[in-house]
N, C-alpha and C. Protein backbone atom coordinates (compact mmCIF):
# COMPACT_ATOMS: atom_id res chain seq x y z
N UNK A 1 49.34 139.70 150.11
CA UNK A 1 49.55 138.57 149.24
C UNK A 1 50.30 139.05 148.00
N UNK A 2 51.30 138.27 147.59
CA UNK A 2 52.12 138.64 146.44
C UNK A 2 51.46 138.21 145.13
N UNK A 3 51.66 139.03 144.10
CA UNK A 3 51.21 138.59 142.78
C UNK A 3 52.17 137.51 142.30
N UNK A 4 51.77 136.78 141.28
CA UNK A 4 52.59 135.66 140.80
C UNK A 4 54.01 136.09 140.45
N UNK A 5 54.16 137.24 139.82
CA UNK A 5 55.49 137.70 139.41
C UNK A 5 56.34 138.20 140.58
N UNK A 6 55.72 138.54 141.70
CA UNK A 6 56.46 139.03 142.87
C UNK A 6 57.00 137.90 143.74
N UNK A 7 56.55 136.67 143.51
CA UNK A 7 57.04 135.54 144.29
C UNK A 7 58.50 135.27 143.95
N UNK A 8 59.29 134.88 144.94
CA UNK A 8 60.68 134.52 144.65
C UNK A 8 60.72 133.19 143.90
N UNK A 9 61.80 132.93 143.16
CA UNK A 9 61.90 131.62 142.51
C UNK A 9 62.03 130.52 143.57
N UNK A 10 61.62 129.31 143.20
CA UNK A 10 61.71 128.19 144.13
C UNK A 10 63.16 127.86 144.44
N UNK A 11 64.02 128.00 143.45
CA UNK A 11 65.44 127.72 143.64
C UNK A 11 66.21 128.91 143.08
N UNK A 12 67.27 129.29 143.78
CA UNK A 12 68.09 130.39 143.30
C UNK A 12 69.55 130.06 143.51
N UNK A 13 70.40 130.25 142.51
CA UNK A 13 70.13 130.75 141.17
C UNK A 13 69.19 129.81 140.40
N UNK A 14 68.31 130.41 139.62
CA UNK A 14 67.22 129.68 138.95
C UNK A 14 67.69 128.58 138.02
N UNK A 15 68.82 128.75 137.37
CA UNK A 15 69.29 127.74 136.42
C UNK A 15 69.99 126.57 137.11
N UNK A 16 70.06 126.61 138.43
CA UNK A 16 70.76 125.59 139.20
C UNK A 16 69.83 124.49 139.66
N UNK A 17 70.45 123.49 140.25
CA UNK A 17 69.76 122.40 140.93
C UNK A 17 70.37 122.31 142.32
N UNK A 18 69.63 121.75 143.27
CA UNK A 18 70.19 121.63 144.62
C UNK A 18 71.46 120.78 144.62
N UNK A 19 71.61 119.91 143.63
CA UNK A 19 72.81 119.08 143.56
C UNK A 19 74.02 119.85 143.04
N UNK A 20 73.80 121.05 142.47
CA UNK A 20 74.89 121.87 141.93
C UNK A 20 75.52 122.81 142.95
N UNK A 21 74.81 123.08 144.04
CA UNK A 21 75.28 124.07 145.00
C UNK A 21 76.55 123.60 145.71
N UNK A 22 77.44 124.55 146.00
CA UNK A 22 78.64 124.20 146.76
C UNK A 22 78.60 124.97 148.07
N UNK A 23 79.14 124.36 149.09
CA UNK A 23 79.12 124.95 150.42
C UNK A 23 78.39 124.01 151.37
N UNK A 24 78.14 124.52 152.54
CA UNK A 24 77.48 123.71 153.57
C UNK A 24 75.99 124.04 153.58
N UNK A 25 75.16 123.00 153.66
CA UNK A 25 73.71 123.17 153.72
C UNK A 25 73.28 123.47 155.15
N UNK A 26 72.32 124.39 155.25
CA UNK A 26 71.69 124.74 156.52
C UNK A 26 70.18 124.82 156.28
N UNK A 27 69.43 124.73 157.34
CA UNK A 27 67.99 124.95 157.26
C UNK A 27 67.69 126.17 158.12
N UNK A 28 67.09 127.19 157.52
CA UNK A 28 66.71 128.39 158.26
C UNK A 28 65.26 128.23 158.69
N UNK A 29 65.03 128.26 159.99
CA UNK A 29 63.67 128.28 160.53
C UNK A 29 63.32 129.76 160.63
N UNK A 30 62.39 130.19 159.82
CA UNK A 30 62.10 131.62 159.72
C UNK A 30 61.11 132.07 160.79
N UNK A 31 61.10 133.36 161.00
CA UNK A 31 60.03 133.94 161.81
C UNK A 31 58.74 133.76 161.02
N UNK A 32 57.62 133.86 161.70
CA UNK A 32 56.32 133.58 161.09
C UNK A 32 56.11 134.31 159.77
N UNK A 33 55.77 133.55 158.73
CA UNK A 33 55.43 134.05 157.40
C UNK A 33 56.51 134.91 156.77
N UNK A 34 57.77 134.56 156.99
CA UNK A 34 58.90 135.32 156.44
C UNK A 34 59.68 134.55 155.37
N UNK A 35 59.18 133.40 154.93
CA UNK A 35 59.94 132.57 154.01
C UNK A 35 60.26 133.30 152.70
N UNK A 36 59.26 133.89 152.07
CA UNK A 36 59.46 134.55 150.78
C UNK A 36 60.30 135.82 150.92
N UNK A 37 60.07 136.57 151.99
CA UNK A 37 60.87 137.78 152.21
C UNK A 37 62.34 137.41 152.42
N UNK A 38 62.57 136.32 153.16
CA UNK A 38 63.95 135.86 153.37
C UNK A 38 64.56 135.41 152.04
N UNK A 39 63.78 134.76 151.20
CA UNK A 39 64.28 134.34 149.89
C UNK A 39 64.72 135.56 149.08
N UNK A 40 63.93 136.62 149.10
CA UNK A 40 64.32 137.85 148.39
C UNK A 40 65.60 138.43 148.98
N UNK A 41 65.72 138.42 150.31
CA UNK A 41 66.96 138.88 150.96
C UNK A 41 68.15 138.04 150.52
N UNK A 42 67.94 136.74 150.38
CA UNK A 42 69.03 135.85 149.99
C UNK A 42 69.47 136.11 148.55
N UNK A 43 68.53 136.43 147.68
CA UNK A 43 68.88 136.78 146.30
C UNK A 43 69.76 138.03 146.32
N UNK A 44 69.36 139.03 147.09
CA UNK A 44 70.14 140.28 147.18
C UNK A 44 71.54 140.04 147.75
N UNK A 45 71.69 139.05 148.60
CA UNK A 45 72.99 138.73 149.22
C UNK A 45 73.73 137.63 148.46
N UNK A 46 73.13 137.17 147.35
CA UNK A 46 73.71 136.12 146.51
C UNK A 46 73.99 134.83 147.29
N UNK A 47 72.99 134.41 148.07
CA UNK A 47 73.07 133.17 148.83
C UNK A 47 72.14 132.16 148.14
N UNK A 48 72.68 131.01 147.77
CA UNK A 48 71.91 129.96 147.09
C UNK A 48 70.89 129.37 148.05
N UNK A 49 69.66 129.17 147.57
CA UNK A 49 68.62 128.61 148.43
C UNK A 49 67.67 127.72 147.66
N UNK A 50 66.88 126.95 148.41
CA UNK A 50 65.80 126.13 147.87
C UNK A 50 64.60 126.35 148.76
N UNK A 51 63.52 126.89 148.18
CA UNK A 51 62.28 127.14 148.90
C UNK A 51 61.16 126.43 148.13
N UNK A 52 60.94 125.14 148.44
CA UNK A 52 59.88 124.43 147.71
C UNK A 52 58.52 125.04 148.01
N UNK A 53 57.77 125.34 146.95
CA UNK A 53 56.44 125.95 147.10
C UNK A 53 55.46 125.25 146.18
N UNK A 54 54.19 125.30 146.55
CA UNK A 54 53.13 124.70 145.76
C UNK A 54 51.92 125.63 145.76
N UNK A 55 51.12 125.53 144.70
CA UNK A 55 49.93 126.37 144.60
C UNK A 55 48.84 125.86 145.52
N UNK A 56 48.19 126.77 146.19
CA UNK A 56 47.05 126.47 147.04
C UNK A 56 45.87 127.27 146.53
N UNK A 57 44.73 126.60 146.33
CA UNK A 57 43.53 127.28 145.85
C UNK A 57 42.47 127.12 146.92
N UNK A 58 41.90 128.25 147.33
CA UNK A 58 40.82 128.19 148.33
C UNK A 58 39.76 129.21 147.97
N UNK A 59 38.57 128.94 148.44
CA UNK A 59 37.46 129.85 148.18
C UNK A 59 37.16 130.63 149.44
N UNK A 60 36.98 131.93 149.27
CA UNK A 60 36.62 132.80 150.37
C UNK A 60 35.46 133.65 149.88
N UNK A 61 34.34 133.51 150.54
CA UNK A 61 33.11 134.14 150.07
C UNK A 61 32.83 133.66 148.66
N UNK A 62 32.81 134.55 147.71
CA UNK A 62 32.56 134.15 146.32
C UNK A 62 33.81 134.25 145.45
N UNK A 63 34.93 134.45 146.11
CA UNK A 63 36.19 134.60 145.38
C UNK A 63 37.03 133.33 145.48
N UNK A 64 37.78 133.06 144.45
CA UNK A 64 38.75 131.99 144.46
C UNK A 64 40.12 132.64 144.63
N UNK A 65 40.85 132.19 145.65
CA UNK A 65 42.16 132.76 145.93
C UNK A 65 43.22 131.70 145.65
N UNK A 66 44.16 132.04 144.77
CA UNK A 66 45.25 131.14 144.40
C UNK A 66 46.55 131.74 144.94
N UNK A 67 47.25 130.97 145.78
CA UNK A 67 48.47 131.45 146.40
C UNK A 67 49.59 130.43 146.25
N UNK A 68 50.80 130.92 146.09
CA UNK A 68 51.98 130.07 146.08
C UNK A 68 52.51 130.04 147.52
N UNK A 69 52.42 128.87 148.16
CA UNK A 69 52.78 128.75 149.58
C UNK A 69 53.96 127.80 149.76
N UNK A 70 54.80 128.07 150.76
CA UNK A 70 55.91 127.15 151.05
C UNK A 70 55.38 125.76 151.39
N UNK A 71 56.03 124.76 150.84
CA UNK A 71 55.65 123.37 151.11
C UNK A 71 55.93 123.01 152.57
N UNK A 72 57.00 123.56 153.10
CA UNK A 72 57.37 123.35 154.50
C UNK A 72 57.34 124.71 155.19
N UNK A 73 56.17 125.06 155.69
CA UNK A 73 55.97 126.38 156.29
C UNK A 73 56.99 126.68 157.37
N UNK A 74 57.63 127.84 157.26
CA UNK A 74 58.58 128.28 158.27
C UNK A 74 60.01 127.86 158.00
N UNK A 75 60.28 127.20 156.87
CA UNK A 75 61.63 126.72 156.60
C UNK A 75 62.08 127.07 155.19
N UNK A 76 63.38 127.36 155.07
CA UNK A 76 64.02 127.56 153.77
C UNK A 76 65.41 126.94 153.87
N UNK A 77 65.81 126.23 152.83
CA UNK A 77 67.09 125.54 152.81
C UNK A 77 68.09 126.43 152.08
N UNK A 78 69.31 126.55 152.62
CA UNK A 78 70.30 127.35 151.92
C UNK A 78 71.67 126.71 152.02
N UNK A 79 72.52 127.10 151.09
CA UNK A 79 73.85 126.52 150.97
C UNK A 79 74.84 127.67 150.88
N UNK A 80 75.84 127.64 151.74
CA UNK A 80 76.82 128.72 151.70
C UNK A 80 77.94 128.53 152.69
N UNK A 81 78.69 129.59 152.86
CA UNK A 81 79.81 129.54 153.79
C UNK A 81 79.44 130.26 155.10
N UNK A 82 80.39 130.34 156.01
CA UNK A 82 80.16 130.94 157.32
C UNK A 82 79.76 132.42 157.20
N UNK A 83 80.37 133.15 156.28
CA UNK A 83 80.05 134.56 156.09
C UNK A 83 78.58 134.72 155.64
N UNK A 84 78.13 133.86 154.74
CA UNK A 84 76.74 133.93 154.28
C UNK A 84 75.77 133.55 155.39
N UNK A 85 76.15 132.61 156.23
CA UNK A 85 75.32 132.23 157.38
C UNK A 85 75.13 133.43 158.30
N UNK A 86 76.20 134.17 158.54
CA UNK A 86 76.13 135.35 159.41
C UNK A 86 75.28 136.44 158.75
N UNK A 87 75.42 136.63 157.43
CA UNK A 87 74.60 137.61 156.71
C UNK A 87 73.12 137.29 156.86
N UNK A 88 72.81 136.01 156.80
CA UNK A 88 71.42 135.56 156.93
C UNK A 88 70.86 135.89 158.31
N UNK A 89 71.66 135.68 159.33
CA UNK A 89 71.21 135.98 160.70
C UNK A 89 70.95 137.48 160.89
N UNK A 90 71.65 138.31 160.15
CA UNK A 90 71.49 139.76 160.26
C UNK A 90 70.20 140.27 159.62
N UNK A 91 69.48 139.43 158.88
CA UNK A 91 68.25 139.87 158.21
C UNK A 91 67.10 140.07 159.20
N UNK A 92 67.21 139.52 160.38
CA UNK A 92 66.16 139.57 161.41
C UNK A 92 64.89 138.86 160.94
N UNK A 93 65.04 137.91 160.03
CA UNK A 93 63.91 137.10 159.57
C UNK A 93 64.07 135.64 160.01
N UNK A 94 65.21 135.31 160.62
CA UNK A 94 65.51 133.93 160.99
C UNK A 94 65.31 133.75 162.49
N UNK A 95 64.50 132.75 162.87
CA UNK A 95 64.29 132.43 164.29
C UNK A 95 65.38 131.50 164.78
N UNK A 96 65.84 130.59 163.91
CA UNK A 96 66.81 129.59 164.31
C UNK A 96 67.45 128.99 163.07
N UNK A 97 68.70 128.57 163.20
CA UNK A 97 69.36 127.84 162.13
C UNK A 97 69.55 126.40 162.57
N UNK A 98 69.24 125.48 161.67
CA UNK A 98 69.41 124.06 161.96
C UNK A 98 70.62 123.57 161.17
N UNK A 99 71.60 123.05 161.91
CA UNK A 99 72.79 122.52 161.26
C UNK A 99 72.46 121.15 160.68
N UNK A 100 72.89 120.91 159.46
CA UNK A 100 72.63 119.64 158.79
C UNK A 100 73.83 118.72 159.01
N UNK A 101 73.63 117.68 159.78
CA UNK A 101 74.72 116.73 160.08
C UNK A 101 75.02 115.86 158.87
N UNK A 102 73.97 115.31 158.23
CA UNK A 102 74.16 114.43 157.09
C UNK A 102 73.84 115.22 155.81
N UNK A 103 74.85 115.88 155.28
CA UNK A 103 74.67 116.75 154.11
C UNK A 103 74.14 115.98 152.90
N UNK A 104 74.70 114.80 152.63
CA UNK A 104 74.29 114.04 151.44
C UNK A 104 72.85 113.57 151.54
N UNK A 105 72.40 113.17 152.72
CA UNK A 105 71.01 112.74 152.89
C UNK A 105 70.06 113.89 152.58
N UNK A 106 70.36 115.10 153.08
CA UNK A 106 69.50 116.25 152.81
C UNK A 106 69.49 116.56 151.31
N UNK A 107 70.66 116.55 150.67
CA UNK A 107 70.73 116.83 149.24
C UNK A 107 69.87 115.82 148.46
N UNK A 108 69.97 114.54 148.82
CA UNK A 108 69.18 113.51 148.13
C UNK A 108 67.69 113.74 148.33
N UNK A 109 67.28 114.07 149.55
CA UNK A 109 65.86 114.31 149.83
C UNK A 109 65.34 115.54 149.10
N UNK A 110 66.13 116.62 149.11
CA UNK A 110 65.71 117.85 148.41
C UNK A 110 65.71 117.66 146.90
N UNK A 111 66.65 116.88 146.36
CA UNK A 111 66.70 116.64 144.92
C UNK A 111 65.43 115.93 144.46
N UNK A 112 64.91 115.02 145.27
CA UNK A 112 63.67 114.33 144.90
C UNK A 112 62.50 115.30 144.87
N UNK A 113 62.42 116.17 145.88
CA UNK A 113 61.34 117.15 145.91
C UNK A 113 61.47 118.13 144.74
N UNK A 114 62.69 118.57 144.46
CA UNK A 114 62.93 119.47 143.33
C UNK A 114 62.47 118.81 142.02
N UNK A 115 62.79 117.55 141.86
CA UNK A 115 62.43 116.83 140.63
C UNK A 115 60.91 116.73 140.48
N UNK A 116 60.21 116.44 141.57
CA UNK A 116 58.76 116.36 141.52
C UNK A 116 58.17 117.72 141.17
N UNK A 117 58.68 118.80 141.78
CA UNK A 117 58.18 120.15 141.48
C UNK A 117 58.37 120.50 140.00
N UNK A 118 59.48 120.08 139.42
CA UNK A 118 59.76 120.38 138.01
C UNK A 118 58.83 119.65 137.06
N UNK A 119 58.22 118.54 137.49
CA UNK A 119 57.29 117.82 136.61
C UNK A 119 55.98 118.58 136.46
N UNK A 120 55.69 119.48 137.42
CA UNK A 120 54.43 120.21 137.38
C UNK A 120 53.28 119.47 138.02
N UNK A 121 53.53 118.27 138.55
CA UNK A 121 52.49 117.53 139.25
C UNK A 121 52.10 118.31 140.50
N UNK A 122 50.80 118.32 140.85
CA UNK A 122 50.39 119.03 142.06
C UNK A 122 50.96 118.34 143.32
N UNK A 123 51.63 119.11 144.14
CA UNK A 123 52.25 118.61 145.37
C UNK A 123 51.58 119.31 146.54
N UNK A 124 51.34 118.55 147.59
CA UNK A 124 50.72 119.12 148.79
C UNK A 124 51.53 118.76 150.02
N UNK A 125 51.51 119.61 151.05
CA UNK A 125 52.16 119.22 152.30
C UNK A 125 51.48 117.96 152.84
N UNK A 126 52.24 117.16 153.53
CA UNK A 126 51.71 115.91 154.04
C UNK A 126 52.28 115.64 155.43
N UNK A 127 51.49 114.98 156.25
CA UNK A 127 51.95 114.62 157.58
C UNK A 127 53.17 113.70 157.46
N UNK A 128 54.18 113.94 158.27
CA UNK A 128 55.39 113.13 158.27
C UNK A 128 55.07 111.75 158.81
N UNK A 129 55.58 110.73 158.14
CA UNK A 129 55.28 109.35 158.54
C UNK A 129 56.54 108.64 158.99
N UNK A 130 56.44 107.86 160.04
CA UNK A 130 57.57 107.06 160.48
C UNK A 130 57.40 105.61 160.09
N UNK A 131 56.17 105.19 159.86
CA UNK A 131 55.94 103.81 159.46
C UNK A 131 55.22 103.81 158.12
N UNK A 132 55.32 102.73 157.41
CA UNK A 132 54.66 102.62 156.10
C UNK A 132 55.57 101.93 155.12
N UNK A 133 55.02 101.59 154.00
CA UNK A 133 55.77 100.88 152.98
C UNK A 133 56.57 101.85 152.13
N UNK A 134 57.88 101.65 152.11
CA UNK A 134 58.74 102.47 151.26
C UNK A 134 58.68 101.90 149.85
N UNK A 135 58.45 102.77 148.87
CA UNK A 135 58.29 102.34 147.49
C UNK A 135 59.13 103.19 146.55
N UNK A 136 59.33 102.66 145.34
CA UNK A 136 60.08 103.35 144.29
C UNK A 136 59.18 103.44 143.06
N UNK A 137 59.21 104.57 142.38
CA UNK A 137 58.44 104.75 141.14
C UNK A 137 59.20 104.05 140.02
N UNK A 138 58.49 103.21 139.24
CA UNK A 138 59.13 102.41 138.20
C UNK A 138 58.77 102.86 136.78
N UNK A 139 57.91 103.87 136.66
CA UNK A 139 57.52 104.34 135.33
C UNK A 139 57.06 105.79 135.41
N UNK A 140 57.07 106.46 134.28
CA UNK A 140 56.55 107.82 134.21
C UNK A 140 57.58 108.88 134.56
N UNK A 141 57.13 110.14 134.67
CA UNK A 141 58.06 111.26 134.89
C UNK A 141 58.73 111.23 136.26
N UNK A 142 58.20 110.47 137.20
CA UNK A 142 58.78 110.40 138.55
C UNK A 142 59.68 109.17 138.72
N UNK A 143 60.04 108.51 137.62
CA UNK A 143 60.85 107.30 137.65
C UNK A 143 62.05 107.43 138.59
N UNK A 144 62.20 106.47 139.50
CA UNK A 144 63.34 106.45 140.41
C UNK A 144 63.10 107.15 141.74
N UNK A 145 62.08 107.96 141.86
CA UNK A 145 61.78 108.66 143.12
C UNK A 145 61.32 107.62 144.14
N UNK A 146 61.80 107.77 145.38
CA UNK A 146 61.42 106.85 146.46
C UNK A 146 60.67 107.60 147.54
N UNK A 147 59.69 106.94 148.11
CA UNK A 147 58.93 107.53 149.20
C UNK A 147 58.06 106.48 149.85
N UNK A 148 57.14 106.92 150.66
CA UNK A 148 56.23 106.02 151.37
C UNK A 148 54.84 106.17 150.78
N UNK A 149 54.20 105.06 150.53
CA UNK A 149 52.87 105.07 149.93
C UNK A 149 51.81 105.14 151.02
N UNK A 150 50.85 106.03 150.80
CA UNK A 150 49.69 106.14 151.69
C UNK A 150 48.45 106.29 150.83
N UNK A 151 47.31 106.05 151.44
CA UNK A 151 46.04 106.24 150.76
C UNK A 151 45.31 107.38 151.47
N UNK A 152 44.95 108.41 150.72
CA UNK A 152 44.25 109.56 151.27
C UNK A 152 42.99 109.78 150.45
N UNK A 153 41.84 109.61 151.09
CA UNK A 153 40.54 109.81 150.43
C UNK A 153 40.46 109.05 149.11
N UNK A 154 40.90 107.81 149.13
CA UNK A 154 40.82 106.97 147.94
C UNK A 154 41.92 107.21 146.93
N UNK A 155 42.80 108.16 147.17
CA UNK A 155 43.92 108.43 146.27
C UNK A 155 45.18 107.77 146.82
N UNK A 156 46.00 107.24 145.92
CA UNK A 156 47.31 106.74 146.33
C UNK A 156 48.28 107.89 146.19
N UNK A 157 49.02 108.15 147.26
CA UNK A 157 49.97 109.25 147.25
C UNK A 157 51.34 108.74 147.66
N UNK A 158 52.38 109.31 147.06
CA UNK A 158 53.76 109.00 147.41
C UNK A 158 54.25 110.13 148.31
N UNK A 159 54.63 109.79 149.54
CA UNK A 159 55.06 110.78 150.52
C UNK A 159 56.58 110.89 150.46
N UNK A 160 57.07 112.12 150.29
CA UNK A 160 58.50 112.42 150.26
C UNK A 160 58.84 113.12 151.56
N UNK A 161 59.73 112.54 152.32
CA UNK A 161 60.03 113.05 153.66
C UNK A 161 61.34 113.82 153.68
N UNK A 162 61.39 114.85 154.53
CA UNK A 162 62.62 115.57 154.82
C UNK A 162 62.87 115.35 156.31
N UNK A 163 63.73 114.37 156.61
CA UNK A 163 63.92 113.92 157.98
C UNK A 163 64.36 115.02 158.94
N UNK A 164 65.24 115.91 158.50
CA UNK A 164 65.75 116.94 159.40
C UNK A 164 64.65 117.87 159.92
N UNK A 165 63.58 118.04 159.12
CA UNK A 165 62.48 118.90 159.53
C UNK A 165 61.36 118.13 160.22
N UNK A 166 61.34 116.81 160.01
CA UNK A 166 60.20 116.04 160.49
C UNK A 166 58.94 116.44 159.74
N UNK A 167 59.08 116.76 158.45
CA UNK A 167 57.97 117.16 157.61
C UNK A 167 58.05 116.41 156.29
N UNK A 168 56.96 116.46 155.54
CA UNK A 168 56.91 115.73 154.28
C UNK A 168 55.97 116.42 153.30
N UNK A 169 56.04 115.98 152.05
CA UNK A 169 55.13 116.43 150.99
C UNK A 169 54.69 115.19 150.25
N UNK A 170 53.56 115.26 149.56
CA UNK A 170 53.09 114.08 148.83
C UNK A 170 52.61 114.46 147.44
N UNK A 171 52.65 113.47 146.56
CA UNK A 171 52.20 113.65 145.18
C UNK A 171 51.34 112.43 144.82
N UNK A 172 50.27 112.66 144.08
CA UNK A 172 49.40 111.56 143.67
C UNK A 172 50.14 110.67 142.68
N UNK A 173 49.94 109.36 142.81
CA UNK A 173 50.62 108.39 141.94
C UNK A 173 49.70 107.22 141.65
N UNK A 174 49.83 106.64 140.49
CA UNK A 174 49.09 105.43 140.13
C UNK A 174 49.78 104.25 140.79
N UNK A 175 49.01 103.35 141.38
CA UNK A 175 49.55 102.23 142.12
C UNK A 175 50.39 101.30 141.24
N UNK A 176 50.08 101.22 139.94
CA UNK A 176 50.83 100.34 139.05
C UNK A 176 52.15 100.94 138.61
N UNK A 177 52.48 102.14 139.08
CA UNK A 177 53.74 102.80 138.73
C UNK A 177 54.77 102.70 139.84
N UNK A 178 54.48 101.90 140.88
CA UNK A 178 55.40 101.81 142.01
C UNK A 178 55.71 100.34 142.32
N UNK A 179 56.84 100.14 143.00
CA UNK A 179 57.20 98.83 143.51
C UNK A 179 57.82 99.01 144.89
N UNK A 180 57.66 98.01 145.76
CA UNK A 180 58.24 98.12 147.10
C UNK A 180 59.76 98.14 147.06
N UNK A 181 60.37 98.86 147.99
CA UNK A 181 61.82 98.88 148.17
C UNK A 181 62.11 98.00 149.37
N UNK A 182 63.03 97.08 149.22
CA UNK A 182 63.32 96.16 150.33
C UNK A 182 64.60 96.53 151.03
């Protein structure tokens, strides 16, 4: 397990946003538990990436263990050219590369997740949903974010989906801060 300072940044270069990257977006499906190691390899190769991560706290025996875990286990998003794609394959940490057909849709979906992570609100992985009410946040730090509303253990959560992965993440939200999208 890595110490907090040994974890790679969620986005690299750190001062960037996913909307600033130039090149073609790809999704790297990593070999088991290789997301962070691949992120470090990408920094060394100067390949821009986005690895959304969230804190997980669990108790084991009498100890509390706090870990920074990938929000979408086994996946890291990167942006680059053909040469960088080949460099990535040479790391022996990638099981498969997923070509992104709709580049703008992925950028929009990742930008929403990036924005939520920057607010510091606790984000958790969530089951991907195909049905449900699509809503937009109308107030607060998440203003303008769109997702699907679900109720989990009495909490209202806004689910943010990444269609290319068939995965999602969710953030707790007050019901009076959202409106339906038609």
